[in-house]
Amino acid sequence: MKKLTAIFLLGIYLMAFSECHQFLKIPFLIKHFQKHQQADPAMNFSRFIKIHYFSAAVITDDFQQDEKLPFRGMECNTTNTTHYIYSPASIYINPPQQLLKKFYSYNDTHKIQHSLFDIFQPPRQDC
């Protein structure tokens, strides 16, 4: 059941966000080719493709049907492109003028500075 659901959701995604839905128009392509072949029995499939896809668009009586053929136009308008340009950044921080040789967590009277150690308190129980 999971495999069937995954295939179904992937199919919906491909039909909505890519041009894969154009493959659903292939039966119309075949019917349109058969109409052209009935009108001109010498018409083969390669000539049909050349006329409809590789030559300049000519407005004829069946132009509306020609536009319904697969891959004739872009119907999926969701295109996401992202372009990143990474340039090296150099940051220079000036050293302080006076460096302390030792760091003390005690103040002048040798008591712990509680502002530095407030986070390190043991858990307390509410009474």
C-alpha atoms as a PDB file:
ATOM      1  CA  MET A   1       0.000   0.000   0.000  1.00  0.00           C
ATOM      2  CA  LYS A   2       2.885   2.359   0.780  1.00  0.00           C
ATOM      3  CA  LYS A   3       4.454   1.682  -2.607  1.00  0.00           C
ATOM      4  CA  LEU A   4       1.183   2.415  -4.415  1.00  0.00           C
ATOM      5  CA  THR A   5       0.722   5.640  -2.443  1.00  0.00           C
ATOM      6  CA  ALA A   6       4.294   6.719  -3.191  1.00  0.00           C
ATOM      7  CA  ILE A   7       3.829   6.062  -6.908  1.00  0.00           C
ATOM      8  CA  PHE A   8       0.542   7.976  -6.887  1.00  0.00           C
ATOM      9  CA  LEU A   9       2.035  10.998  -5.105  1.00  0.00           C
ATOM     10  CA  LEU A  10       5.104  10.982  -7.357  1.00  0.00           C
ATOM     11  CA  GLY A  11       2.827  10.884 -10.392  1.00  0.00           C
ATOM     12  CA  ILE A  12       0.824  13.862  -9.142  1.00  0.00           C
ATOM     13  CA  TYR A  13       4.037  15.778  -8.456  1.00  0.00           C
ATOM     14  CA  LEU A  14       5.480  15.043 -11.902  1.00  0.00           C
ATOM     15  CA  MET A  15       2.261  16.012 -13.652  1.00  0.00           C
ATOM     16  CA  ALA A  16       1.955  19.268 -11.731  1.00  0.00           C
ATOM     17  CA  PHE A  17       5.512  20.555 -11.568  1.00  0.00           C
ATOM     18  CA  SER A  18       7.105  19.299 -14.779  1.00  0.00           C
ATOM     19  CA  GLU A  19       6.232  18.827 -18.408  1.00  0.00           C
ATOM     20  CA  CYS A  20       5.455  15.110 -17.941  1.00  0.00           C
ATOM     21  CA  HIS A  21       1.743  15.844 -18.348  1.00  0.00           C
ATOM     22  CA  GLN A  22       2.488  16.353 -22.046  1.00  0.00           C
ATOM     23  CA  PHE A  23       2.799  12.578 -22.418  1.00  0.00           C
ATOM     24  CA  LEU A  24      -0.931  12.332 -21.703  1.00  0.00           C
ATOM     25  CA  LYS A  25      -1.527  14.086 -25.044  1.00  0.00           C
ATOM     26  CA  ILE A  26       0.085  11.308 -27.108  1.00  0.00           C
ATOM     27  CA  PRO A  27      -3.302   9.738 -28.059  1.00  0.00           C
ATOM     28  CA  PHE A  28      -4.291  13.108 -29.544  1.00  0.00           C
ATOM     29  CA  LEU A  29      -0.998  13.140 -31.497  1.00  0.00           C
ATOM     30  CA  ILE A  30      -1.842   9.748 -33.004  1.00  0.00           C
ATOM     31  CA  LYS A  31      -5.398  10.825 -33.934  1.00  0.00           C
ATOM     32  CA  HIS A  32      -4.098  14.039 -35.499  1.00  0.00           C
ATOM     33  CA  PHE A  33      -1.522  12.065 -37.487  1.00  0.00           C
ATOM     34  CA  GLN A  34      -4.265   9.718 -38.729  1.00  0.00           C
ATOM     35  CA  LYS A  35      -6.312  12.741 -39.907  1.00  0.00           C
ATOM     36  CA  HIS A  36      -3.312  14.053 -41.839  1.00  0.00           C
ATOM     37  CA  GLN A  37      -2.663  10.606 -43.285  1.00  0.00           C
ATOM     38  CA  GLN A  38      -6.282  10.352 -44.477  1.00  0.00           C
ATOM     39  CA  ALA A  39      -5.962  13.738 -46.179  1.00  0.00           C
ATOM     40  CA  ASP A  40      -2.569  12.839 -47.707  1.00  0.00           C
ATOM     41  CA  PRO A  41      -1.883   9.062 -47.963  1.00  0.00           C
ATOM     42  CA  ALA A  42       1.802   9.748 -48.745  1.00  0.00           C
ATOM     43  CA  MET A  43       2.266  11.349 -45.296  1.00  0.00           C
ATOM     44  CA  ASN A  44       4.576   9.377 -43.027  1.00  0.00           C
ATOM     45  CA  PHE A  45       5.196   9.975 -39.327  1.00  0.00           C
ATOM     46  CA  SER A  46       8.616  11.595 -39.752  1.00  0.00           C
ATOM     47  CA  ARG A  47       7.196  14.111 -42.238  1.00  0.00           C
ATOM     48  CA  PHE A  48       4.284  14.782 -39.868  1.00  0.00           C
ATOM     49  CA  ILE A  49       6.731  15.507 -37.005  1.00  0.00           C
ATOM     50  CA  LYS A  50       8.877  17.693 -39.264  1.00  0.00           C
ATOM     51  CA  ILE A  51       5.841  19.768 -40.331  1.00  0.00           C
ATOM     52  CA  HIS A  52       4.423  20.196 -36.829  1.00  0.00           C
ATOM     53  CA  TYR A  53       7.575  20.544 -34.736  1.00  0.00           C
ATOM     54  CA  PHE A  54      10.583  21.553 -36.831  1.00  0.00           C
ATOM     55  CA  SER A  55       9.155  23.963 -39.376  1.00  0.00           C
ATOM     56  CA  ALA A  56       7.915  27.495 -38.812  1.00  0.00           C
ATOM     57  CA  ALA A  57       4.402  27.781 -37.421  1.00  0.00           C
ATOM     58  CA  VAL A  58       1.932  28.223 -40.263  1.00  0.00           C
ATOM     59  CA  ILE A  59      -1.627  29.185 -39.410  1.00  0.00           C
ATOM     60  CA  THR A  60      -3.874  26.751 -41.242  1.00  0.00           C
ATOM     61  CA  ASP A  61      -7.423  25.484 -40.758  1.00  0.00           C
ATOM     62  CA  ASP A  62      -6.307  23.010 -38.099  1.00  0.00           C
ATOM     63  CA  PHE A  63      -4.002  25.418 -36.236  1.00  0.00           C
ATOM     64  CA  GLN A  64      -6.030  25.107 -33.016  1.00  0.00           C
ATOM     65  CA  GLN A  65      -5.603  21.330 -33.123  1.00  0.00           C
ATOM     66  CA  ASP A  66      -1.899  21.726 -33.884  1.00  0.00           C
ATOM     67  CA  GLU A  67      -1.486  23.757 -30.715  1.00  0.00           C
ATOM     68  CA  LYS A  68      -3.003  20.912 -28.668  1.00  0.00           C
ATOM     69  CA  LEU A  69      -0.229  18.525 -29.687  1.00  0.00           C
ATOM     70  CA  PRO A  70       2.218  17.471 -26.966  1.00  0.00           C
ATOM     71  CA  PHE A  71       5.323  19.594 -26.404  1.00  0.00           C
ATOM     72  CA  ARG A  72       4.105  22.421 -28.655  1.00  0.00           C
ATOM     73  CA  GLY A  73       4.228  24.999 -25.900  1.00  0.00           C
ATOM     74  CA  MET A  74       5.275  25.455 -22.333  1.00  0.00           C
ATOM     75  CA  GLU A  75       2.305  25.102 -20.021  1.00  0.00           C
ATOM     76  CA  CYS A  76       4.110  24.481 -16.762  1.00  0.00           C
ATOM     77  CA  ASN A  77       5.087  27.889 -15.465  1.00  0.00           C
ATOM     78  CA  THR A  78       6.753  26.895 -12.216  1.00  0.00           C
ATOM     79  CA  THR A  79      10.475  27.236 -12.641  1.00  0.00           C
ATOM     80  CA  ASN A  80      12.720  27.653  -9.658  1.00  0.00           C
ATOM     81  CA  THR A  81      16.320  28.582 -10.190  1.00  0.00           C
ATOM     82  CA  THR A  82      18.826  29.434  -7.556  1.00  0.00           C
ATOM     83  CA  HIS A  83      22.192  30.902  -8.289  1.00  0.00           C
ATOM     84  CA  TYR A  84      24.732  31.329  -5.557  1.00  0.00           C
ATOM     85  CA  ILE A  85      27.923  33.283  -5.962  1.00  0.00           C
ATOM     86  CA  TYR A  86      30.383  32.611  -3.230  1.00  0.00           C
ATOM     87  CA  SER A  87      33.120  35.143  -2.871  1.00  0.00           C
ATOM     88  CA  PRO A  88      35.854  34.797  -0.302  1.00  0.00           C
ATOM     89  CA  ALA A  89      35.458  37.192   2.571  1.00  0.00           C
ATOM     90  CA  SER A  90      38.360  38.312   4.676  1.00  0.00           C
ATOM     91  CA  ILE A  91      37.717  39.787   8.072  1.00  0.00           C
ATOM     92  CA  TYR A  92      40.479  41.316  10.084  1.00  0.00           C
ATOM     93  CA  ILE A  93      39.911  42.005  13.763  1.00  0.00           C
ATOM     94  CA  ASN A  94      42.360  44.325  15.411  1.00  0.00           C
ATOM     95  CA  PRO A  95      43.761  42.856  18.609  1.00  0.00           C
ATOM     96  CA  PRO A  96      43.045  44.784  21.799  1.00  0.00           C
ATOM     97  CA  GLN A  97      45.686  47.250  22.793  1.00  0.00           C
ATOM     98  CA  GLN A  98      46.175  45.800  26.239  1.00  0.00           C
ATOM     99  CA  LEU A  99      45.932  42.065  26.829  1.00  0.00           C
ATOM    100  CA  LEU A 100      45.394  40.683  30.306  1.00  0.00           C
ATOM    101  CA  LYS A 101      47.877  38.050  31.282  1.00  0.00           C
ATOM    102  CA  LYS A 102      45.499  36.256  33.650  1.00  0.00           C
ATOM    103  CA  PHE A 103      41.770  36.075  34.039  1.00  0.00           C
ATOM    104  CA  TYR A 104      40.264  35.976  37.499  1.00  0.00           C
ATOM    105  CA  SER A 105      36.682  35.094  38.257  1.00  0.00           C
ATOM    106  CA  TYR A 106      37.051  36.726  41.659  1.00  0.00           C
ATOM    107  CA  ASN A 107      36.699  40.401  42.386  1.00  0.00           C
ATOM    108  CA  ASP A 108      39.089  42.446  44.491  1.00  0.00           C
ATOM    109  CA  THR A 109      37.903  40.988  47.769  1.00  0.00           C
ATOM    110  CA  HIS A 110      38.318  37.437  46.444  1.00  0.00           C
ATOM    111  CA  LYS A 111      34.599  36.678  46.355  1.00  0.00           C
ATOM    112  CA  ILE A 112      33.015  34.868  43.444  1.00  0.00           C
ATOM    113  CA  GLN A 113      31.393  37.242  40.985  1.00  0.00           C
ATOM    114  CA  HIS A 114      27.890  35.766  40.923  1.00  0.00           C
ATOM    115  CA  SER A 115      27.016  37.412  37.638  1.00  0.00           C
ATOM    116  CA  LEU A 116      29.517  35.085  35.950  1.00  0.00           C
ATOM    117  CA  PHE A 117      28.223  31.910  37.611  1.00  0.00           C
ATOM    118  CA  ASP A 118      24.441  32.449  37.697  1.00  0.00           C
ATOM    119  CA  ILE A 119      23.973  29.857  34.990  1.00  0.00           C
ATOM    120  CA  PHE A 120      25.825  27.164  36.948  1.00  0.00           C
ATOM    121  CA  GLN A 121      23.393  26.964  39.858  1.00  0.00           C
ATOM    122  CA  PRO A 122      22.187  23.562  41.092  1.00  0.00           C
ATOM    123  CA  PRO A 123      18.516  22.732  40.531  1.00  0.00           C
ATOM    124  CA  ARG A 124      16.194  23.902  43.251  1.00  0.00           C
ATOM    125  CA  GLN A 125      13.094  22.248  44.627  1.00  0.00           C
ATOM    126  CA  ASP A 126       9.880  24.237  45.067  1.00  0.00           C
ATOM    127  CA  CYS A 127       8.467  23.819  48.572  1.00  0.00           C
END
